[in-house]
Amino acid sequence: MHKKTRAIAQAALAFTLSASVFSAFADDISDLKEKLHDKYPSTPITEIRHAPMGGLYEIDMGRNIAYTDQKAEFLLFGHIFNMATQEDLTQKRIDEASKVAFDKLPLDHAIKIVKGSGAHKFAVFSDPDCPFCKKLETSLKDQNNYTEYVFLFPIDGLHPGATSKAESIWCAGDKGRAKSWVEALTEGKEPVAKHCDNPVAEDQKLGSGFGVQGTPTLINVNGKVVPGAMDGPALTDFISGK
């Protein structure tokens, strides 16, 4: 066989084999997804792939990661580590699944707070009576050149009256709400009780859709989501988009 003809034949064979493997893989995943749906009909399963550990499949279940076998007989929740690199492979997937498209956020529903040039943008879902939210706002006094977008996420079950306070802060108006927010959280100053159209309910629905379960929950310009208060260098890095 001529060398060129043989090379073409080998390439065609490789393509056929790779297509066959891909088709088998796709059928395998499709079958597994169907089995999981039958067993857990109310659980959102967005993607299934081969796990880093042989014999397991990795499942994206909303913002959670789980593992199963080929027959979907067992379900495992936990973290897989690469012992050579000490990398938490499961957490890496969770972080990727949790990312938020920052440029798609309805920023007009947030309190805008600008310091310095305002160059570094980030958002936070926050409760005006949350002690950790107050800690975050206090820590921001040591940061420079940022634009903070505060989405009001009061949790009345933990802080009775937080919704009324959040609404009053919003109703301080475009020029007054940023000042009212900062003073309430860093100085303990009670906002003047007011009522007006406000986005609090929409912000709560938005945050819940992103999996926000507590406050503060921060989102930087690259879509990274971090629950809990931050300070010092970690906060500086986060605000800068790292």
Protein backbone atom coordinates (compact mmCIF):
# COMPACT_ATOMS: atom_id res chain seq x y z
CA MET A 1 0.00 0.00 0.00
CA HIS A 2 1.25 3.41 -0.93
CA LYS A 3 2.43 5.47 2.08
CA LYS A 4 -0.03 8.29 1.38
CA THR A 5 -2.92 5.84 0.92
CA ARG A 6 -1.96 4.03 4.13
CA ALA A 7 -1.80 7.32 6.06
CA ILE A 8 -5.27 8.27 4.81
CA ALA A 9 -6.60 4.84 5.80
CA GLN A 10 -5.06 5.11 9.26
CA ALA A 11 -6.51 8.57 9.74
CA ALA A 12 -9.95 7.36 8.65
CA LEU A 13 -9.72 4.41 11.06
CA ALA A 14 -8.68 6.70 13.93
CA PHE A 15 -11.58 9.03 13.16
CA THR A 16 -14.02 6.10 13.03
CA LEU A 17 -12.75 4.74 16.34
CA SER A 18 -12.84 8.13 18.05
CA ALA A 19 -16.36 8.74 16.75
CA SER A 20 -17.38 5.30 18.00
CA VAL A 21 -15.90 5.97 21.44
CA PHE A 22 -17.59 9.37 21.60
CA SER A 23 -20.92 7.85 20.61
CA ALA A 24 -20.59 5.14 23.26
CA PHE A 25 -19.63 7.77 25.84
CA ALA A 26 -22.64 9.91 24.92
CA ASP A 27 -24.98 6.90 25.12
CA ASP A 28 -23.43 5.93 28.45
CA ILE A 29 -23.99 9.40 29.92
CA SER A 30 -27.51 9.63 28.49
CA ASP A 31 -28.45 6.28 29.99
CA LEU A 32 -27.00 7.25 33.38
CA LYS A 33 -28.82 10.60 33.35
CA GLU A 34 -32.10 8.80 32.65
CA LYS A 35 -31.54 6.40 35.57
CA LEU A 36 -30.73 9.26 37.94
CA HIS A 37 -33.78 11.23 36.82
CA ASP A 38 -35.99 8.20 37.50
CA LYS A 39 -34.56 7.86 41.01
CA TYR A 40 -34.38 11.58 41.84
CA PRO A 41 -37.06 13.29 39.68
CA SER A 42 -37.05 16.53 41.69
CA THR A 43 -33.25 16.94 41.65
CA PRO A 44 -31.80 19.16 38.90
CA ILE A 45 -29.00 17.32 37.08
CA THR A 46 -27.27 19.70 34.69
CA GLU A 47 -24.24 17.70 33.61
CA ILE A 48 -22.58 14.30 33.99
CA ARG A 49 -18.95 13.47 33.18
CA HIS A 50 -16.30 10.90 34.03
CA ALA A 51 -14.88 11.67 37.47
CA PRO A 52 -11.14 12.12 38.09
CA MET A 53 -11.23 8.80 39.98
CA GLY A 54 -11.70 5.77 37.73
CA GLY A 55 -15.04 3.98 37.85
CA LEU A 56 -17.01 6.99 39.04
CA TYR A 57 -19.13 9.60 37.30
CA GLU A 58 -19.27 13.22 38.44
CA ILE A 59 -22.72 14.81 38.57
CA ASP A 60 -23.58 18.50 38.64
CA MET A 61 -26.70 18.73 40.79
CA GLY A 62 -27.52 22.41 40.70
CA ARG A 63 -24.64 23.92 42.67
CA ASN A 64 -23.72 20.63 44.34
CA ILE A 65 -21.39 17.91 43.11
CA ALA A 66 -22.02 14.21 43.67
CA TYR A 67 -20.52 10.95 42.38
CA THR A 68 -22.14 7.72 41.26
CA ASP A 69 -21.33 4.36 39.65
CA GLN A 70 -22.26 3.34 36.12
CA LYS A 71 -25.53 1.70 37.25
CA ALA A 72 -26.53 4.62 39.48
CA GLU A 73 -26.85 2.24 42.41
CA PHE A 74 -24.79 4.38 44.77
CA LEU A 75 -24.55 8.11 45.36
CA LEU A 76 -21.52 9.63 47.06
CA PHE A 77 -21.13 13.16 48.42
CA GLY A 78 -17.61 14.24 49.33
CA HIS A 79 -14.40 15.74 47.99
CA ILE A 80 -11.83 14.09 45.74
CA PHE A 81 -8.24 15.29 46.17
CA ASN A 82 -5.27 14.88 43.84
CA MET A 83 -2.73 13.69 46.38
CA ALA A 84 0.20 14.56 44.11
CA THR A 85 -0.77 18.22 43.87
CA GLN A 86 -2.95 18.48 47.01
CA GLU A 87 -5.64 20.03 44.82
CA ASP A 88 -9.28 19.69 45.86
CA LEU A 89 -10.76 18.65 42.51
CA THR A 90 -14.34 18.66 43.77
CA GLN A 91 -14.07 22.19 45.14
CA LYS A 92 -12.66 23.30 41.79
CA ARG A 93 -15.80 21.98 40.09
CA ILE A 94 -18.07 23.57 42.71
CA ASP A 95 -16.37 26.93 42.18
CA GLU A 96 -16.85 26.65 38.43
CA ALA A 97 -20.50 25.65 38.80
CA SER A 98 -21.13 28.51 41.23
CA LYS A 99 -19.76 31.28 39.02
CA VAL A 100 -22.11 34.14 38.28
CA ALA A 101 -22.08 36.26 35.12
CA PHE A 102 -21.34 39.61 36.77
CA ASP A 103 -22.31 41.62 33.70
CA LYS A 104 -25.78 40.03 33.79
CA LEU A 105 -26.54 41.18 37.34
CA PRO A 106 -29.37 43.76 37.60
CA LEU A 107 -27.12 46.40 39.15
CA ASP A 108 -29.92 48.97 39.15
CA HIS A 109 -31.49 46.85 41.92
CA ALA A 110 -28.45 47.32 44.14
CA ILE A 111 -27.14 50.10 46.37
CA LYS A 112 -24.09 51.54 44.61
CA ILE A 113 -21.19 52.58 46.85
CA VAL A 114 -18.10 54.10 45.22
CA LYS A 115 -14.76 54.70 46.90
CA GLY A 116 -11.80 56.36 45.16
CA SER A 117 -11.71 55.70 41.44
CA GLY A 118 -14.27 52.90 41.75
CA ALA A 119 -12.17 50.81 39.37
CA HIS A 120 -12.67 47.41 41.02
CA LYS A 121 -16.27 46.20 40.99
CA PHE A 122 -17.91 43.57 43.17
CA ALA A 123 -21.36 42.73 44.48
CA VAL A 124 -22.62 41.46 47.81
CA PHE A 125 -25.91 40.02 49.05
CA SER A 126 -26.24 41.53 52.48
CA ASP A 127 -28.55 41.85 55.50
CA PRO A 128 -28.48 45.18 57.41
CA ASP A 129 -28.67 43.37 60.77
CA CYS A 130 -26.15 40.62 59.97
CA PRO A 131 -23.05 40.90 62.22
CA PHE A 132 -20.80 39.46 59.54
CA CYS A 133 -22.14 41.98 57.01
CA LYS A 134 -21.25 44.73 59.46
CA LYS A 135 -17.77 43.25 59.79
CA LEU A 136 -17.38 43.28 56.00
CA GLU A 137 -18.45 46.92 55.69
CA THR A 138 -16.02 47.88 58.44
CA SER A 139 -13.21 46.01 56.67
CA LEU A 140 -13.98 47.91 53.45
CA LYS A 141 -12.81 51.11 55.15
CA ASP A 142 -9.25 49.81 54.60
CA GLN A 143 -9.84 49.19 50.88
CA ASN A 144 -9.52 51.68 48.02
CA ASN A 145 -10.79 52.27 44.50
CA TYR A 146 -13.80 49.98 44.44
CA THR A 147 -17.46 50.04 43.46
CA GLU A 148 -19.63 47.93 45.72
CA TYR A 149 -23.12 46.85 44.65
CA VAL A 150 -25.22 45.84 47.64
CA PHE A 151 -28.16 43.56 46.89
CA LEU A 152 -30.50 43.66 49.87
CA PHE A 153 -31.00 40.17 51.27
CA PRO A 154 -32.58 40.54 54.73
CA ILE A 155 -33.27 37.32 56.61
CA ASP A 156 -36.10 38.05 59.03
CA GLY A 157 -35.95 34.53 60.43
CA LEU A 158 -32.55 35.39 61.92
CA HIS A 159 -32.95 39.15 62.27
CA PRO A 160 -36.58 40.20 62.86
CA GLY A 161 -37.28 43.55 61.28
CA ALA A 162 -34.34 43.34 58.85
CA THR A 163 -36.65 43.62 55.83
CA SER A 164 -38.21 46.87 57.11
CA LYS A 165 -34.75 48.29 57.77
CA ALA A 166 -33.52 47.26 54.31
CA GLU A 167 -36.54 48.89 52.68
CA SER A 168 -36.03 52.11 54.69
CA ILE A 169 -32.39 52.27 53.59
CA TRP A 170 -33.39 51.85 49.94
CA CYS A 171 -36.07 54.49 50.30
CA ALA A 172 -33.45 57.06 51.36
CA GLY A 173 -33.22 57.74 47.61
CA ASP A 174 -30.47 57.60 45.00
CA LYS A 175 -28.31 60.14 46.81
CA GLY A 176 -28.99 58.94 50.34
CA ARG A 177 -29.13 55.15 50.33
CA ALA A 178 -25.35 54.51 50.10
CA LYS A 179 -24.72 56.82 53.06
CA SER A 180 -27.61 55.31 54.99
CA TRP A 181 -26.31 51.79 54.36
CA VAL A 182 -22.75 52.51 55.46
CA GLU A 183 -23.86 54.40 58.56
CA ALA A 184 -26.30 51.66 59.56
CA LEU A 185 -23.70 48.91 59.29
CA THR A 186 -20.54 50.64 60.52
CA GLU A 187 -21.99 53.11 63.03
CA GLY A 188 -25.18 51.41 64.13
CA LYS A 189 -27.26 54.38 62.99
CA GLU A 190 -30.92 53.50 62.51
CA PRO A 191 -32.30 54.58 59.11
CA VAL A 192 -35.34 56.82 59.01
CA ALA A 193 -38.38 54.59 58.52
CA LYS A 194 -39.71 55.04 55.00
CA HIS A 195 -41.86 53.19 52.51
CA CYS A 196 -41.49 53.20 48.73
CA ASP A 197 -41.23 50.88 45.76
CA ASN A 198 -38.11 48.80 46.35
CA PRO A 199 -36.30 45.77 44.91
CA VAL A 200 -35.85 43.85 48.19
CA ALA A 201 -38.15 40.95 47.25
CA GLU A 202 -36.54 40.73 43.79
CA ASP A 203 -33.05 40.76 45.32
CA GLN A 204 -34.01 37.93 47.66
CA LYS A 205 -35.36 35.90 44.76
CA LEU A 206 -32.24 36.64 42.71
CA GLY A 207 -29.90 35.60 45.52
CA SER A 208 -31.83 32.40 46.19
CA GLY A 209 -31.51 31.53 42.51
CA PHE A 210 -27.74 31.84 42.83
CA GLY A 211 -27.76 29.55 45.86
CA VAL A 212 -27.26 32.31 48.44
CA GLN A 213 -28.04 30.79 51.84
CA GLY A 214 -26.43 33.29 54.18
CA THR A 215 -25.01 36.77 54.30
CA PRO A 216 -22.75 38.26 53.25
CA THR A 217 -22.25 36.44 49.97
CA LEU A 218 -19.80 38.21 47.66
CA ILE A 219 -19.39 38.05 43.87
CA ASN A 220 -16.41 39.59 42.11
CA VAL A 221 -16.18 40.81 38.54
CA ASN A 222 -14.93 37.41 37.35
CA GLY A 223 -17.99 35.66 38.78
CA LYS A 224 -16.28 34.11 41.79
CA VAL A 225 -18.71 33.58 44.67
CA VAL A 226 -17.51 33.61 48.27
CA PRO A 227 -19.84 33.22 51.27
CA GLY A 228 -18.88 34.97 54.51
CA ALA A 229 -17.03 38.09 55.54
CA MET A 230 -13.50 38.75 54.27
CA ASP A 231 -10.82 41.21 55.29
CA GLY A 232 -7.18 42.14 54.73
CA PRO A 233 -5.22 40.82 51.73
CA ALA A 234 -7.88 38.21 50.94
CA LEU A 235 -10.48 40.94 50.50
CA THR A 236 -8.07 43.05 48.44
CA ASP A 237 -7.39 40.11 46.10
CA PHE A 238 -11.07 39.30 45.79
CA ILE A 239 -12.08 42.87 44.95
CA SER A 240 -9.34 43.04 42.31
CA GLY A 241 -10.84 39.99 40.60
CA LYS A 242 -8.51 37.22 41.76
